C-alpha cells in the first residue's frame, strides 16, 4: 500500500514540475498540472479514512501555491506560464489570459497586466492594419473573425462623442477637397476612449486606432475597448500646389485669419491621403504659417520679413498682416500698409 501511495505522490509531483519548467504554451501543460494535483491528493489520502474537507482543502492549497509560483517564475525568468489560455494574434503577438491578470507576449517579451487595467502594450506596428471599409463591409463576419482580438484599424472620423468615444463609418472615396467623404450611416465602429486626448482630432480626419474588438450591437455596430491611438503622421508630409490668378489686379484679397493673397487664387496641400485648401488646413489647425517658413532665413526690410518658398513667397508684416505672394510679381513692401 505504501508503494502505491508513493507512486501516486511521485507521479503527481513530476506532472506538476514538468509543465512549470517548459518554456512554450500548450493546454496540455495545464492539464498535466491539474492531473498532478489530483494524484497528489489521492496519494496523501490513499487508504485513509477520508475527510471531504481535507481532500478539497489540499488541492486548493496546492493550486494557490503553484498559481503564485507560475506567476513569479514567468515574471522573473520570462518562462511561458501555465495557468493561462492563449489568444494568438499573429506570429509576434499572443495574449495570455489568466484569472487575475493577463500577459502581453510581444516578440517573446512578457508584459504583465494585473487586473486587466492596461491597454494594448505591444508595439502597434506589430499588428496588420485593417481599413475601416473592409472591416465594416460585413460587420458580422468581422466580429466572428476578430472577436476578443486586438486589431488595428484606420479610417475617417465620422463623429466625436465628447471625450468618451469616436465613431468610424464606412465611406465612399471622393476627390472632393478638405477630406470630405460620404459616410454610410448604416454601419459603424465605436471606439471607446479612456485616458486619451482626442481634442486635436476633427470630423473627416484619418485616424489609426488599436483596440480589443469586444462587442457587436444591433447587427451594425462593432465596439472597440482597451484602445490607444497610433500617431500615424499622415498630415506631416505634403506637396504644395499653387493656383495663380489669370488677371492680377494688383490688389490684396482676404484669404483667412489675417492672411491675404496677392495675385494668387488659391494654394493647396496635397497630402498622400487627401487634398486640402491651405486656408481650410490653417483653420483646421493641420498647419500654420510658421510650419511653412521654418528653416527659411527671411529677407528683412523695415521689420517686414519676406520668406521665399519654392512656389510662392510669404510676407510677414510688422503690423501682423500676412501676405501670400506670387513669385512672378515684383515685390512691393507697401502691401503691408494696404
Protein backbone atom coordinates (compact mmCIF):
# COMPACT_ATOMS: atom_id res chain seq x y z
CA UNK A 1 0.00 0.00 0.00
CA UNK A 2 2.82 2.37 0.85
CA UNK A 3 4.39 1.74 -2.56
CA UNK A 4 1.17 2.69 -4.35
CA UNK A 5 0.85 5.80 -2.23
CA UNK A 6 4.45 6.77 -3.03
CA UNK A 7 3.90 6.15 -6.75
CA UNK A 8 0.89 8.48 -6.78
CA UNK A 9 2.87 11.18 -4.98
CA UNK A 10 5.94 10.90 -7.23
CA UNK A 11 3.95 10.91 -10.47
CA UNK A 12 1.85 13.81 -9.18
CA UNK A 13 4.92 15.89 -8.31
CA UNK A 14 6.51 15.15 -11.72
CA UNK A 15 3.31 16.15 -13.54
CA UNK A 16 3.40 19.47 -11.66
CA UNK A 17 7.11 20.26 -12.04
CA UNK A 18 7.46 19.45 -15.75
CA UNK A 19 4.85 21.94 -17.11
CA UNK A 20 6.19 24.68 -14.83
CA UNK A 21 9.65 24.26 -16.42
CA UNK A 22 8.64 24.01 -20.10
CA UNK A 23 9.07 27.30 -21.97
CA UNK A 24 6.25 27.08 -24.52
CA UNK A 25 2.49 27.37 -24.47
CA UNK A 26 0.31 24.26 -24.53
CA UNK A 27 -3.05 23.48 -22.99
CA UNK A 28 -1.58 20.08 -22.11
CA UNK A 29 0.71 21.78 -19.60
CA UNK A 30 -2.35 22.96 -17.67
CA UNK A 31 -3.98 19.54 -17.92
CA UNK A 32 -0.77 17.89 -16.69
CA UNK A 33 -0.55 20.22 -13.70
CA UNK A 34 -4.20 19.65 -12.75
CA UNK A 35 -3.76 15.89 -13.06
CA UNK A 36 -0.66 16.11 -10.87
CA UNK A 37 -2.64 17.91 -8.15
CA UNK A 38 -5.30 15.18 -8.26
CA UNK A 39 -2.72 12.41 -7.98
CA UNK A 40 -1.02 14.08 -5.02
CA UNK A 41 -4.41 14.40 -3.35
CA UNK A 42 -5.06 10.69 -3.95
CA UNK A 43 -1.58 9.76 -2.71
CA UNK A 44 -1.89 11.72 0.53
CA UNK A 45 -5.27 10.24 1.40
CA UNK A 46 -4.69 6.80 -0.10
CA UNK A 47 -6.21 4.06 2.09
CA UNK A 48 -7.04 6.54 4.84
CA UNK A 49 -10.30 7.49 6.38
CA UNK A 50 -11.21 10.34 4.06
CA UNK A 51 -12.19 13.80 5.25
CA UNK A 52 -14.07 15.59 2.46
CA UNK A 53 -12.90 18.94 3.83
CA UNK A 54 -9.22 17.93 3.79
CA UNK A 55 -9.49 16.34 0.35
CA UNK A 56 -10.81 19.63 -1.01
CA UNK A 57 -8.56 21.88 1.10
CA UNK A 58 -5.28 20.26 0.00
CA UNK A 59 -5.83 20.64 -3.80
CA UNK A 60 -6.89 24.26 -3.28
CA UNK A 61 -3.73 24.90 -1.25
CA UNK A 62 -1.53 23.32 -3.95
CA UNK A 63 -3.43 25.22 -6.63
CA UNK A 64 -2.80 28.56 -4.90
CA UNK A 65 0.87 27.75 -4.36
CA UNK A 66 1.50 26.64 -7.96
CA UNK A 67 -0.50 29.59 -9.34
CA UNK A 68 1.71 32.02 -7.39
CA UNK A 69 4.84 30.09 -8.40
CA UNK A 70 3.76 30.12 -12.04
CA UNK A 71 3.27 33.91 -11.90
CA UNK A 72 6.63 34.57 -10.24
CA UNK A 73 8.72 32.32 -12.50
CA UNK A 74 7.16 33.93 -15.59
CA UNK A 75 7.69 37.42 -14.19
CA UNK A 76 11.29 36.85 -13.13
CA UNK A 77 12.57 34.23 -15.58
CA UNK A 78 10.48 35.01 -18.69
CA UNK A 79 9.29 31.38 -18.88
CA UNK A 80 5.94 30.67 -20.50
CA UNK A 81 3.11 30.49 -17.91
CA UNK A 82 0.84 27.51 -17.32
CA UNK A 83 -2.33 28.92 -15.77
CA UNK A 84 -3.40 30.79 -18.87
CA UNK A 85 -5.37 30.50 -22.10
CA UNK A 86 -3.62 31.84 -25.18
CA UNK A 87 -5.16 34.20 -27.71
CA UNK A 88 -2.63 34.19 -30.56
CA UNK A 89 -2.95 37.41 -32.59
CA UNK A 90 -0.13 36.75 -35.05
CA UNK A 91 3.39 35.28 -35.13
CA UNK A 92 4.76 38.09 -32.92
CA UNK A 93 1.87 38.73 -30.52
CA UNK A 94 -0.02 36.49 -28.11
CA UNK A 95 -2.31 37.49 -25.26
CA UNK A 96 -2.27 35.15 -22.26
CA UNK A 97 -5.45 35.42 -20.19
CA UNK A 98 -5.44 34.21 -16.59
CA UNK A 99 -7.85 34.57 -13.69
CA UNK A 100 -6.43 37.76 -12.15
CA UNK A 101 -4.10 39.03 -14.82
CA UNK A 102 -3.17 38.82 -18.47
CA UNK A 103 0.19 38.85 -20.19
CA UNK A 104 1.07 40.51 -23.47
CA UNK A 105 3.71 38.45 -25.25
CA UNK A 106 5.32 40.93 -27.63
CA UNK A 107 8.02 39.39 -29.80
CA UNK A 108 8.92 36.94 -26.96
CA UNK A 109 8.87 39.66 -24.29
CA UNK A 110 6.29 39.30 -21.49
CA UNK A 111 4.40 42.38 -20.26
CA UNK A 112 2.12 41.83 -17.26
CA UNK A 113 -1.29 43.47 -16.95
CA UNK A 114 -2.58 42.87 -13.44
CA UNK A 115 -6.36 43.17 -13.02
CA UNK A 116 -6.75 43.77 -16.78
CA UNK A 117 -6.11 47.50 -16.38
CA UNK A 118 -3.72 48.25 -19.24
CA UNK A 119 -4.48 48.92 -22.87
CA UNK A 120 -2.61 47.20 -25.71
CA UNK A 121 1.03 47.01 -24.59
CA UNK A 122 2.82 45.70 -27.69
CA UNK A 123 4.06 47.99 -30.44
CA UNK A 124 1.16 48.74 -32.76
CA UNK A 125 3.49 48.24 -35.74
CA UNK A 126 3.34 44.51 -34.98
CA UNK A 127 -0.34 44.43 -35.99
CA UNK A 128 -1.60 44.37 -39.57
CA UNK A 129 -3.61 47.45 -40.44
CA UNK A 130 -7.28 46.93 -41.41
CA UNK A 131 -9.12 49.52 -43.48
CA UNK A 132 -12.45 50.56 -41.96
CA UNK A 133 -14.29 49.86 -45.23
CA UNK A 134 -13.03 46.27 -45.20
CA UNK A 135 -13.90 45.80 -41.51
CA UNK A 136 -17.43 47.15 -41.92
CA UNK A 137 -18.18 45.57 -45.29
CA UNK A 138 -19.59 42.55 -43.45
CA UNK A 139 -19.53 43.53 -39.76
CA UNK A 140 -20.97 40.22 -38.55
CA UNK A 141 -18.20 38.25 -40.29
CA UNK A 142 -15.58 40.68 -38.96
CA UNK A 143 -16.92 40.16 -35.44
CA UNK A 144 -16.70 36.37 -35.76
CA UNK A 145 -13.15 36.64 -37.10
CA UNK A 146 -11.75 39.19 -34.64
CA UNK A 147 -13.92 38.83 -31.52
CA UNK A 148 -11.75 39.31 -28.40
CA UNK A 149 -8.73 40.02 -30.59
CA UNK A 150 -6.69 43.20 -30.60
CA UNK A 151 -6.87 44.80 -34.04
CA UNK A 152 -5.52 47.94 -35.71
CA UNK A 153 -7.96 49.95 -37.83
CA UNK A 154 -7.55 53.05 -39.99
CA UNK A 155 -10.48 55.14 -41.16
CA UNK A 156 -12.07 58.57 -41.18
CA UNK A 157 -13.75 60.02 -38.12
CA UNK A 158 -17.48 60.37 -38.66
CA UNK A 159 -18.46 61.50 -35.16
CA UNK A 160 -16.80 62.54 -31.90
CA UNK A 161 -18.84 61.97 -28.73
CA UNK A 162 -17.21 64.37 -26.28
CA UNK A 163 -14.22 62.66 -24.71
CA UNK A 164 -15.87 59.25 -24.35
CA UNK A 165 -15.86 57.77 -27.85
CA UNK A 166 -15.12 58.20 -31.56
CA UNK A 167 -17.09 56.69 -34.41
CA UNK A 168 -15.72 55.45 -37.73
CA UNK A 169 -18.08 54.60 -40.57
CA UNK A 170 -17.78 53.00 -43.96
CA UNK A 171 -17.30 55.72 -46.57
CA UNK A 172 -17.07 56.23 -50.31
CA UNK A 173 -13.83 57.59 -51.74
CA UNK A 174 -14.08 61.07 -53.13
CA UNK A 175 -11.86 63.56 -54.92
CA UNK A 176 -13.51 66.42 -53.08
CA UNK A 177 -11.47 68.92 -51.07
CA UNK A 178 -10.67 69.14 -47.39
CA UNK A 179 -11.10 65.49 -46.50
CA UNK A 180 -14.82 65.36 -47.18
CA UNK A 181 -16.34 61.93 -47.91
CA UNK A 182 -19.84 60.48 -47.88
CA UNK A 183 -20.40 58.15 -44.92
CA UNK A 184 -22.59 55.06 -44.86
CA UNK A 185 -24.75 55.61 -41.78
CA UNK A 186 -25.98 52.01 -41.55
CA UNK A 187 -22.71 50.54 -40.15
CA UNK A 188 -20.13 51.90 -37.72
CA UNK A 189 -17.22 51.14 -35.42
CA UNK A 190 -17.48 52.73 -31.97
CA UNK A 191 -14.14 53.34 -30.28
CA UNK A 192 -14.44 53.72 -26.51
CA UNK A 193 -11.87 56.23 -25.25
CA UNK A 194 -10.15 56.18 -21.87
CA UNK A 195 -7.29 58.45 -20.80
CA UNK A 196 -6.65 59.57 -24.39
CA UNK A 197 -6.60 63.21 -25.52
CA UNK A 198 -8.77 63.45 -28.65
CA UNK A 199 -9.21 67.24 -28.74
CA UNK A 200 -6.86 67.61 -31.73
CA UNK A 201 -8.99 65.36 -33.95
CA UNK A 202 -11.74 66.61 -36.26
CA UNK A 203 -14.51 65.08 -38.36
CA UNK A 204 -13.10 63.65 -41.65
CA UNK A 205 -9.62 63.20 -40.14
CA UNK A 206 -7.89 59.91 -40.77
CA UNK A 207 -7.11 58.06 -37.57
CA UNK A 208 -5.42 54.76 -36.72
CA UNK A 209 -6.54 53.05 -33.53
CA UNK A 210 -5.63 49.79 -31.77
CA UNK A 211 -8.19 48.13 -29.55
CA UNK A 212 -9.95 44.98 -28.39
CA UNK A 213 -12.97 44.04 -30.52
CA UNK A 214 -15.36 43.34 -27.67
CA UNK A 215 -18.97 43.72 -28.77
CA UNK A 216 -21.39 43.70 -31.70
CA UNK A 217 -24.62 45.65 -31.30
CA UNK A 218 -27.81 45.74 -33.33
CA UNK A 219 -26.19 43.87 -36.24
CA UNK A 220 -24.42 47.03 -37.42
CA UNK A 221 -22.13 48.36 -34.66
CA UNK A 222 -18.74 46.94 -33.73
CA UNK A 223 -17.23 48.15 -30.44
CA UNK A 224 -13.53 48.57 -29.58
CA UNK A 225 -12.33 48.79 -25.98
CA UNK A 226 -8.85 48.98 -24.36
CA UNK A 227 -7.94 51.40 -27.12
CA UNK A 228 -4.95 53.53 -27.93
CA UNK A 229 -4.45 55.88 -30.87
CA UNK A 230 -1.43 55.42 -33.08
CA UNK A 231 0.43 58.53 -34.20
CA UNK A 232 0.25 57.97 -37.95
CA UNK A 233 1.81 61.31 -39.07
CA UNK A 234 -0.44 61.30 -42.14
CA UNK A 235 -0.68 65.08 -42.15
CA UNK A 236 3.01 65.87 -41.82
CA UNK A 237 4.14 65.28 -45.41
CA UNK A 238 2.60 67.21 -48.29
CA UNK A 239 3.25 68.85 -51.64
CA UNK A 240 2.26 72.45 -52.31
CA UNK A 241 0.20 73.34 -55.37
CA UNK A 242 -0.30 76.99 -56.34
CA UNK A 243 -3.16 78.32 -58.47
CA UNK A 244 -2.17 81.69 -59.89
CA UNK A 245 -4.55 84.50 -60.78
CA UNK A 246 -5.00 84.85 -64.53
CA UNK A 247 -5.60 88.58 -64.45
CA UNK A 248 -3.97 90.04 -61.39
CA UNK A 249 -5.39 93.45 -60.47
CA UNK A 250 -2.56 94.14 -58.03
CA UNK A 251 -4.90 94.09 -55.05
CA UNK A 252 -4.83 92.09 -51.86
CA UNK A 253 -7.56 89.51 -51.35
CA UNK A 254 -8.54 88.32 -47.91
CA UNK A 255 -7.74 84.63 -47.57
CA UNK A 256 -8.26 83.60 -43.94
CA UNK A 257 -7.47 84.74 -40.39
CA UNK A 258 -5.46 87.91 -41.17
CA UNK A 259 -3.86 86.24 -44.17
CA UNK A 260 -4.14 87.79 -47.65
CA UNK A 261 -3.18 86.71 -51.16
CA UNK A 262 -1.55 88.78 -53.89
CA UNK A 263 -2.02 87.56 -57.47
CA UNK A 264 -2.83 84.07 -56.22
CA UNK A 265 -6.22 82.36 -56.44
CA UNK A 266 -5.53 79.51 -54.05
CA UNK A 267 -2.91 77.22 -52.53
CA UNK A 268 -3.44 73.51 -51.95
CA UNK A 269 -1.77 70.94 -49.72
CA UNK A 270 -1.57 67.57 -51.42
CA UNK A 271 -1.27 65.01 -48.65
CA UNK A 272 -0.81 61.40 -49.65
CA UNK A 273 -4.35 60.70 -48.46
CA UNK A 274 -6.29 63.95 -49.05
CA UNK A 275 -6.14 67.35 -50.71
CA UNK A 276 -6.76 70.45 -48.59
CA UNK A 277 -7.01 74.14 -49.31
CA UNK A 278 -4.35 75.93 -47.30
CA UNK A 279 -6.99 78.25 -45.83
CA UNK A 280 -9.04 75.28 -44.59
CA UNK A 281 -5.96 73.46 -43.26
CA UNK A 282 -4.99 76.56 -41.25
CA UNK A 283 -8.48 76.85 -39.76
CA UNK A 284 -8.46 73.10 -39.04
CA UNK A 285 -5.06 73.52 -37.30
CA UNK A 286 -3.37 70.97 -39.52
CA UNK A 287 -0.73 73.54 -40.41
CA UNK A 288 0.38 77.09 -39.57
CA UNK A 289 2.35 79.72 -41.43
CA UNK A 290 5.22 79.02 -39.06
CA UNK A 291 5.27 75.43 -40.33
CA UNK A 292 5.66 76.72 -43.88
CA UNK A 293 8.52 79.11 -43.14
CA UNK A 294 10.53 77.09 -40.62
CA UNK A 295 14.19 76.64 -41.57
CA UNK A 296 13.96 79.53 -44.08
CA UNK A 297 16.02 82.67 -43.49
CA UNK A 298 13.94 85.80 -44.20
CA UNK A 299 14.86 88.95 -46.09
CA UNK A 300 14.17 91.79 -43.64
CA UNK A 301 13.24 95.34 -44.56
CA UNK A 302 11.76 97.85 -42.08
CA UNK A 303 10.91 94.99 -39.74
CA UNK A 304 8.91 93.30 -42.51
CA UNK A 305 10.08 89.76 -43.25
CA UNK A 306 9.99 88.09 -46.66
CA UNK A 307 10.22 84.30 -46.81
CA UNK A 308 10.98 82.79 -50.23
CA UNK A 309 9.41 79.38 -50.71
CA UNK A 310 9.76 77.24 -53.82
CA UNK A 311 6.32 78.03 -55.26
CA UNK A 312 5.27 81.29 -53.58
CA UNK A 313 6.54 83.84 -51.09
CA UNK A 314 5.24 84.84 -47.69
CA UNK A 315 5.46 88.40 -46.40
CA UNK A 316 5.17 88.75 -42.63
CA UNK A 317 4.46 92.40 -41.89
CA UNK A 318 5.41 94.21 -38.71
CA UNK A 319 1.72 95.05 -38.18
CA UNK A 320 0.90 91.30 -38.07
CA UNK A 321 -0.55 91.24 -41.59
CA UNK A 322 0.48 88.16 -43.58
CA UNK A 323 0.56 88.12 -47.39
CA UNK A 324 0.96 85.12 -49.71
CA UNK A 325 2.71 86.40 -52.82
CA UNK A 326 3.00 85.26 -56.42
CA UNK A 327 6.72 84.72 -57.06
CA UNK A 328 6.38 86.13 -60.57
CA UNK A 329 5.20 89.51 -59.37
CA UNK A 330 7.55 92.25 -58.28
CA UNK A 331 7.70 92.58 -54.52
CA UNK A 332 6.21 95.72 -53.04
CA UNK A 333 6.60 96.15 -49.27
CA UNK A 334 3.88 98.78 -49.35
CA UNK A 335 1.45 95.81 -49.38
CA UNK A 336 1.89 95.76 -45.64
CA UNK A 337 0.29 99.20 -45.43
CA UNK A 338 -2.75 98.49 -47.58
